[in-house]
Amino acid sequence: MPVEKTINKGEKKFWIVTGENQFEEVTEKEIMKNPQKYIKKQIWQKPPFKFEIIVTLKRIKVED
C-alpha cells in the first residue's frame, strides 16, 4: 500500500547549489538555524528567484 508524503504548505523550500547541475533542497528553518553553513552558496527559490544571506548587527540603547 503506497504511503502519501506529508507536505507542510507553510514551509518554504530553497535550493542550495552544491555543484554543477546539482542542488540540495532545504527549508527556511534549516537556513535560519545555521546561516554560516550557507553564506557563500547560491540560494534559489525555484528560479528565477535568487537569495543571499545578509548578517547585520542591530544597535540597542541600554539604559543604566
PDB file of N, CA and C in Angstrom:
ATOM      1  N   MET A   1       0.843  -1.176   0.000  1.00  0.00           N
ATOM      2  CA  MET A   1       0.000   0.000   0.000  1.00  0.00           C
ATOM      3  C   MET A   1       0.892   1.243   0.000  1.00  0.00           C
ATOM      4  N   PRO A   2       0.721   2.168  -0.973  1.00  0.00           N
ATOM      5  CA  PRO A   2       1.552   3.366  -1.036  1.00  0.00           C
ATOM      6  C   PRO A   2       1.274   4.311   0.129  1.00  0.00           C
ATOM      7  N   VAL A   3       2.318   4.969   0.556  1.00  0.00           N
ATOM      8  CA  VAL A   3       2.208   5.924   1.649  1.00  0.00           C
ATOM      9  C   VAL A   3       2.297   7.328   1.061  1.00  0.00           C
ATOM     10  N   GLU A   4       1.373   8.205   1.475  1.00  0.00           N
ATOM     11  CA  GLU A   4       1.389   9.569   0.982  1.00  0.00           C
ATOM     12  C   GLU A   4       2.467  10.372   1.687  1.00  0.00           C
ATOM     13  N   LYS A   5       3.096  11.263   0.932  1.00  0.00           N
ATOM     14  CA  LYS A   5       4.088  12.155   1.527  1.00  0.00           C
ATOM     15  C   LYS A   5       3.353  13.272   2.239  1.00  0.00           C
ATOM     16  N   THR A   6       3.856  13.652   3.407  1.00  0.00           N
ATOM     17  CA  THR A   6       3.250  14.774   4.116  1.00  0.00           C
ATOM     18  C   THR A   6       3.922  16.056   3.645  1.00  0.00           C
ATOM     19  N   ILE A   7       3.126  17.019   3.283  1.00  0.00           N
ATOM     20  CA  ILE A   7       3.642  18.287   2.785  1.00  0.00           C
ATOM     21  C   ILE A   7       3.130  19.401   3.674  1.00  0.00           C
ATOM     22  N   ASN A   8       4.052  20.177   4.208  1.00  0.00           N
ATOM     23  CA  ASN A   8       3.706  21.336   5.004  1.00  0.00           C
ATOM     24  C   ASN A   8       3.705  22.536   4.070  1.00  0.00           C
ATOM     25  N   LYS A   9       2.533  23.031   3.690  1.00  0.00           N
ATOM     26  CA  LYS A   9       2.434  24.096   2.699  1.00  0.00           C
ATOM     27  C   LYS A   9       2.930  25.431   3.220  1.00  0.00           C
ATOM     28  N   GLY A  10       3.035  25.617   4.539  1.00  0.00           N
ATOM     29  CA  GLY A  10       3.516  26.866   5.093  1.00  0.00           C
ATOM     30  C   GLY A  10       5.036  26.953   5.145  1.00  0.00           C
ATOM     31  N   GLU A  11       5.714  25.855   4.876  1.00  0.00           N
ATOM     32  CA  GLU A  11       7.166  25.803   4.980  1.00  0.00           C
ATOM     33  C   GLU A  11       7.800  26.092   3.619  1.00  0.00           C
ATOM     34  N   LYS A  12       8.673  27.114   3.561  1.00  0.00           N
ATOM     35  CA  LYS A  12       9.331  27.478   2.313  1.00  0.00           C
ATOM     36  C   LYS A  12      10.534  26.580   2.084  1.00  0.00           C
ATOM     37  N   LYS A  13      10.694  26.126   0.852  1.00  0.00           N
ATOM     38  CA  LYS A  13      11.833  25.294   0.464  1.00  0.00           C
ATOM     39  C   LYS A  13      12.743  26.105  -0.448  1.00  0.00           C
ATOM     40  N   PHE A  14      14.048  25.932  -0.273  1.00  0.00           N
ATOM     41  CA  PHE A  14      15.036  26.620  -1.081  1.00  0.00           C
ATOM     42  C   PHE A  14      15.998  25.614  -1.673  1.00  0.00           C
ATOM     43  N   TRP A  15      16.594  25.964  -2.797  1.00  0.00           N
ATOM     44  CA  TRP A  15      17.601  25.136  -3.434  1.00  0.00           C
ATOM     45  C   TRP A  15      18.961  25.731  -3.141  1.00  0.00           C
ATOM     46  N   ILE A  16      19.889  24.924  -2.633  1.00  0.00           N
ATOM     47  CA  ILE A  16      21.269  25.321  -2.393  1.00  0.00           C
ATOM     48  C   ILE A  16      22.107  24.633  -3.464  1.00  0.00           C
ATOM     49  N   VAL A  17      22.799  25.431  -4.292  1.00  0.00           N
ATOM     50  CA  VAL A  17      23.610  24.874  -5.378  1.00  0.00           C
ATOM     51  C   VAL A  17      24.870  24.278  -4.772  1.00  0.00           C
ATOM     52  N   THR A  18      25.064  22.958  -4.983  1.00  0.00           N
ATOM     53  CA  THR A  18      26.207  22.255  -4.408  1.00  0.00           C
ATOM     54  C   THR A  18      27.275  21.955  -5.452  1.00  0.00           C
ATOM     55  N   GLY A  19      26.935  21.970  -6.689  1.00  0.00           N
ATOM     56  CA  GLY A  19      27.880  21.682  -7.768  1.00  0.00           C
ATOM     57  C   GLY A  19      27.203  21.992  -9.090  1.00  0.00           C
ATOM     58  N   GLU A  20      27.883  21.685 -10.163  1.00  0.00           N
ATOM     59  CA  GLU A  20      27.304  21.943 -11.474  1.00  0.00           C
ATOM     60  C   GLU A  20      26.126  21.004 -11.708  1.00  0.00           C
ATOM     61  N   ASN A  21      24.962  21.585 -11.949  1.00  0.00           N
ATOM     62  CA  ASN A  21      23.713  20.847 -12.170  1.00  0.00           C
ATOM     63  C   ASN A  21      23.303  19.996 -10.970  1.00  0.00           C
ATOM     64  N   GLN A  22      23.727  20.369  -9.772  1.00  0.00           N
ATOM     65  CA  GLN A  22      23.335  19.661  -8.562  1.00  0.00           C
ATOM     66  C   GLN A  22      22.871  20.667  -7.524  1.00  0.00           C
ATOM     67  N   PHE A  23      21.828  20.294  -6.791  1.00  0.00           N
ATOM     68  CA  PHE A  23      21.352  21.164  -5.734  1.00  0.00           C
ATOM     69  C   PHE A  23      20.798  20.334  -4.592  1.00  0.00           C
ATOM     70  N   GLU A  24      20.715  20.976  -3.434  1.00  0.00           N
ATOM     71  CA  GLU A  24      20.175  20.344  -2.229  1.00  0.00           C
ATOM     72  C   GLU A  24      18.960  21.152  -1.820  1.00  0.00           C
ATOM     73  N   GLU A  25      17.868  20.508  -1.520  1.00  0.00           N
ATOM     74  CA  GLU A  25      16.657  21.207  -1.113  1.00  0.00           C
ATOM     75  C   GLU A  25      16.609  21.290   0.415  1.00  0.00           C
ATOM     76  N   VAL A  26      16.533  22.522   0.941  1.00  0.00           N
ATOM     77  CA  VAL A  26      16.477  22.733   2.380  1.00  0.00           C
ATOM     78  C   VAL A  26      15.329  23.675   2.706  1.00  0.00           C
ATOM     79  N   THR A  27      14.925  23.663   3.957  1.00  0.00           N
ATOM     80  CA  THR A  27      13.848  24.544   4.385  1.00  0.00           C
ATOM     81  C   THR A  27      14.416  25.853   4.911  1.00  0.00           C
ATOM     82  N   GLU A  28      13.565  26.860   4.977  1.00  0.00           N
ATOM     83  CA  GLU A  28      13.971  28.155   5.515  1.00  0.00           C
ATOM     84  C   GLU A  28      14.418  28.007   6.965  1.00  0.00           C
ATOM     85  N   LYS A  29      13.765  27.121   7.696  1.00  0.00           N
ATOM     86  CA  LYS A  29      14.099  26.879   9.101  1.00  0.00           C
ATOM     87  C   LYS A  29      15.538  26.381   9.250  1.00  0.00           C
ATOM     88  N   GLU A  30      15.968  25.486   8.348  1.00  0.00           N
ATOM     89  CA  GLU A  30      17.327  24.959   8.389  1.00  0.00           C
ATOM     90  C   GLU A  30      18.348  26.055   8.106  1.00  0.00           C
ATOM     91  N   ILE A  31      18.035  26.941   7.165  1.00  0.00           N
ATOM     92  CA  ILE A  31      18.947  28.038   6.826  1.00  0.00           C
ATOM     93  C   ILE A  31      19.059  29.007   7.988  1.00  0.00           C
ATOM     94  N   MET A  32      17.954  29.340   8.617  1.00  0.00           N
ATOM     95  CA  MET A  32      17.970  30.282   9.731  1.00  0.00           C
ATOM     96  C   MET A  32      18.650  29.689  10.959  1.00  0.00           C
ATOM     97  N   LYS A  33      18.593  28.378  11.103  1.00  0.00           N
ATOM     98  CA  LYS A  33      19.209  27.702  12.244  1.00  0.00           C
ATOM     99  C   LYS A  33      20.739  27.744  12.157  1.00  0.00           C
ATOM    100  N   ASN A  34      21.281  27.628  10.946  1.00  0.00           N
ATOM    101  CA  ASN A  34      22.729  27.616  10.753  1.00  0.00           C
ATOM    102  C   ASN A  34      23.089  28.389   9.482  1.00  0.00           C
ATOM    103  N   PRO A  35      22.976  29.741   9.490  1.00  0.00           N
ATOM    104  CA  PRO A  35      23.230  30.516   8.273  1.00  0.00           C
ATOM    105  C   PRO A  35      24.686  30.496   7.827  1.00  0.00           C
ATOM    106  N   GLN A  36      25.617  30.277   8.742  1.00  0.00           N
ATOM    107  CA  GLN A  36      27.035  30.279   8.387  1.00  0.00           C
ATOM    108  C   GLN A  36      27.353  29.184   7.368  1.00  0.00           C
ATOM    109  N   LYS A  37      26.646  28.094   7.421  1.00  0.00           N
ATOM    110  CA  LYS A  37      26.854  26.979   6.504  1.00  0.00           C
ATOM    111  C   LYS A  37      26.528  27.368   5.056  1.00  0.00           C
ATOM    112  N   TYR A  38      25.629  28.339   4.883  1.00  0.00           N
ATOM    113  CA  TYR A  38      25.142  28.699   3.549  1.00  0.00           C
ATOM    114  C   TYR A  38      25.630  30.064   3.067  1.00  0.00           C
ATOM    115  N   ILE A  39      26.558  30.703   3.785  1.00  0.00           N
ATOM    116  CA  ILE A  39      26.957  32.088   3.477  1.00  0.00           C
ATOM    117  C   ILE A  39      27.513  32.263   2.066  1.00  0.00           C
ATOM    118  N   LYS A  40      28.370  31.419   1.588  1.00  0.00           N
ATOM    119  CA  LYS A  40      28.983  31.599   0.271  1.00  0.00           C
ATOM    120  C   LYS A  40      28.380  30.673  -0.781  1.00  0.00           C
ATOM    121  N   LYS A  41      27.147  30.271  -0.582  1.00  0.00           N
ATOM    122  CA  LYS A  41      26.483  29.382  -1.527  1.00  0.00           C
ATOM    123  C   LYS A  41      25.375  30.128  -2.259  1.00  0.00           C
ATOM    124  N   GLN A  42      25.028  29.648  -3.422  1.00  0.00           N
ATOM    125  CA  GLN A  42      23.902  30.205  -4.162  1.00  0.00           C
ATOM    126  C   GLN A  42      22.620  29.611  -3.591  1.00  0.00           C
ATOM    127  N   ILE A  43      21.659  30.485  -3.294  1.00  0.00           N
ATOM    128  CA  ILE A  43      20.383  30.053  -2.723  1.00  0.00           C
ATOM    129  C   ILE A  43      19.276  30.493  -3.673  1.00  0.00           C
ATOM    130  N   TRP A  44      18.473  29.549  -4.109  1.00  0.00           N
ATOM    131  CA  TRP A  44      17.390  29.830  -5.051  1.00  0.00           C
ATOM    132  C   TRP A  44      16.070  29.342  -4.479  1.00  0.00           C
ATOM    133  N   GLN A  45      15.000  30.033  -4.847  1.00  0.00           N
ATOM    134  CA  GLN A  45      13.657  29.555  -4.532  1.00  0.00           C
ATOM    135  C   GLN A  45      12.965  29.329  -5.860  1.00  0.00           C
ATOM    136  N   LYS A  46      13.161  28.149  -6.409  1.00  0.00           N
ATOM    137  CA  LYS A  46      12.658  27.793  -7.729  1.00  0.00           C
ATOM    138  C   LYS A  46      12.857  28.958  -8.694  1.00  0.00           C
ATOM    139  N   PRO A  47      13.915  28.939  -9.476  1.00  0.00           N
ATOM    140  CA  PRO A  47      14.269  30.063 -10.337  1.00  0.00           C
ATOM    141  C   PRO A  47      13.046  30.709 -10.974  1.00  0.00           C
ATOM    142  N   PRO A  48      13.043  32.004 -11.104  1.00  0.00           N
ATOM    143  CA  PRO A  48      14.142  32.963 -11.206  1.00  0.00           C
ATOM    144  C   PRO A  48      14.473  33.685  -9.909  1.00  0.00           C
ATOM    145  N   PHE A  49      14.000  33.255  -8.752  1.00  0.00           N
ATOM    146  CA  PHE A  49      14.239  33.983  -7.510  1.00  0.00           C
ATOM    147  C   PHE A  49      15.505  33.485  -6.816  1.00  0.00           C
ATOM    148  N   LYS A  50      16.480  34.397  -6.652  1.00  0.00           N
ATOM    149  CA  LYS A  50      17.742  34.070  -6.009  1.00  0.00           C
ATOM    150  C   LYS A  50      17.841  34.861  -4.710  1.00  0.00           C
ATOM    151  N   PHE A  51      18.416  34.263  -3.681  1.00  0.00           N
ATOM    152  CA  PHE A  51      18.544  34.885  -2.371  1.00  0.00           C
ATOM    153  C   PHE A  51      20.004  34.894  -1.944  1.00  0.00           C
ATOM    154  N   GLU A  52      20.332  35.768  -1.010  1.00  0.00           N
ATOM    155  CA  GLU A  52      21.639  35.754  -0.378  1.00  0.00           C
ATOM    156  C   GLU A  52      21.445  36.007   1.104  1.00  0.00           C
ATOM    157  N   ILE A  53      22.366  35.500   1.902  1.00  0.00           N
ATOM    158  CA  ILE A  53      22.292  35.670   3.354  1.00  0.00           C
ATOM    159  C   ILE A  53      23.017  36.957   3.719  1.00  0.00           C
ATOM    160  N   ILE A  54      22.344  37.793   4.491  1.00  0.00           N
ATOM    161  CA  ILE A  54      22.922  39.040   4.963  1.00  0.00           C
ATOM    162  C   ILE A  54      22.841  39.039   6.482  1.00  0.00           C
ATOM    163  N   VAL A  55      23.992  39.208   7.129  1.00  0.00           N
ATOM    164  CA  VAL A  55      24.050  39.231   8.584  1.00  0.00           C
ATOM    165  C   VAL A  55      24.308  40.674   9.000  1.00  0.00           C
ATOM    166  N   THR A  56      23.483  41.193   9.916  1.00  0.00           N
ATOM    167  CA  THR A  56      23.650  42.572  10.364  1.00  0.00           C
ATOM    168  C   THR A  56      23.668  42.631  11.882  1.00  0.00           C
ATOM    169  N   LEU A  57      24.201  43.722  12.390  1.00  0.00           N
ATOM    170  CA  LEU A  57      24.163  43.985  13.817  1.00  0.00           C
ATOM    171  C   LEU A  57      23.118  45.067  14.056  1.00  0.00           C
ATOM    172  N   LYS A  58      22.352  44.922  15.105  1.00  0.00           N
ATOM    173  CA  LYS A  58      21.340  45.900  15.443  1.00  0.00           C
ATOM    174  C   LYS A  58      21.787  46.603  16.724  1.00  0.00           C
ATOM    175  N   ARG A  59      21.827  47.944  16.672  1.00  0.00           N
ATOM    176  CA  ARG A  59      22.263  48.717  17.829  1.00  0.00           C
ATOM    177  C   ARG A  59      21.071  48.953  18.748  1.00  0.00           C
ATOM    178  N   ILE A  60      21.253  48.643  20.020  1.00  0.00           N
ATOM    179  CA  ILE A  60      20.211  48.805  21.020  1.00  0.00           C
ATOM    180  C   ILE A  60      20.751  49.692  22.132  1.00  0.00           C
ATOM    181  N   LYS A  61      20.015  50.735  22.468  1.00  0.00           N
ATOM    182  CA  LYS A  61      20.432  51.635  23.538  1.00  0.00           C
ATOM    183  C   LYS A  61      20.060  51.003  24.872  1.00  0.00           C
ATOM    184  N   VAL A  62      21.063  50.881  25.752  1.00  0.00           N
ATOM    185  CA  VAL A  62      20.860  50.277  27.061  1.00  0.00           C
ATOM    186  C   VAL A  62      20.923  51.388  28.104  1.00  0.00           C
ATOM    187  N   GLU A  63      19.910  51.431  28.930  1.00  0.00           N
ATOM    188  CA  GLU A  63      19.878  52.445  29.992  1.00  0.00           C
ATOM    189  C   GLU A  63      20.403  51.828  31.278  1.00  0.00           C
ATOM    190  N   ASP A  64      21.278  52.566  31.966  1.00  0.00           N
ATOM    191  CA  ASP A  64      21.854  52.075  33.232  1.00  0.00           C
ATOM    192  C   ASP A  64      20.959  52.365  34.390  1.00  0.00           C
TER     193      ASP A  64
END
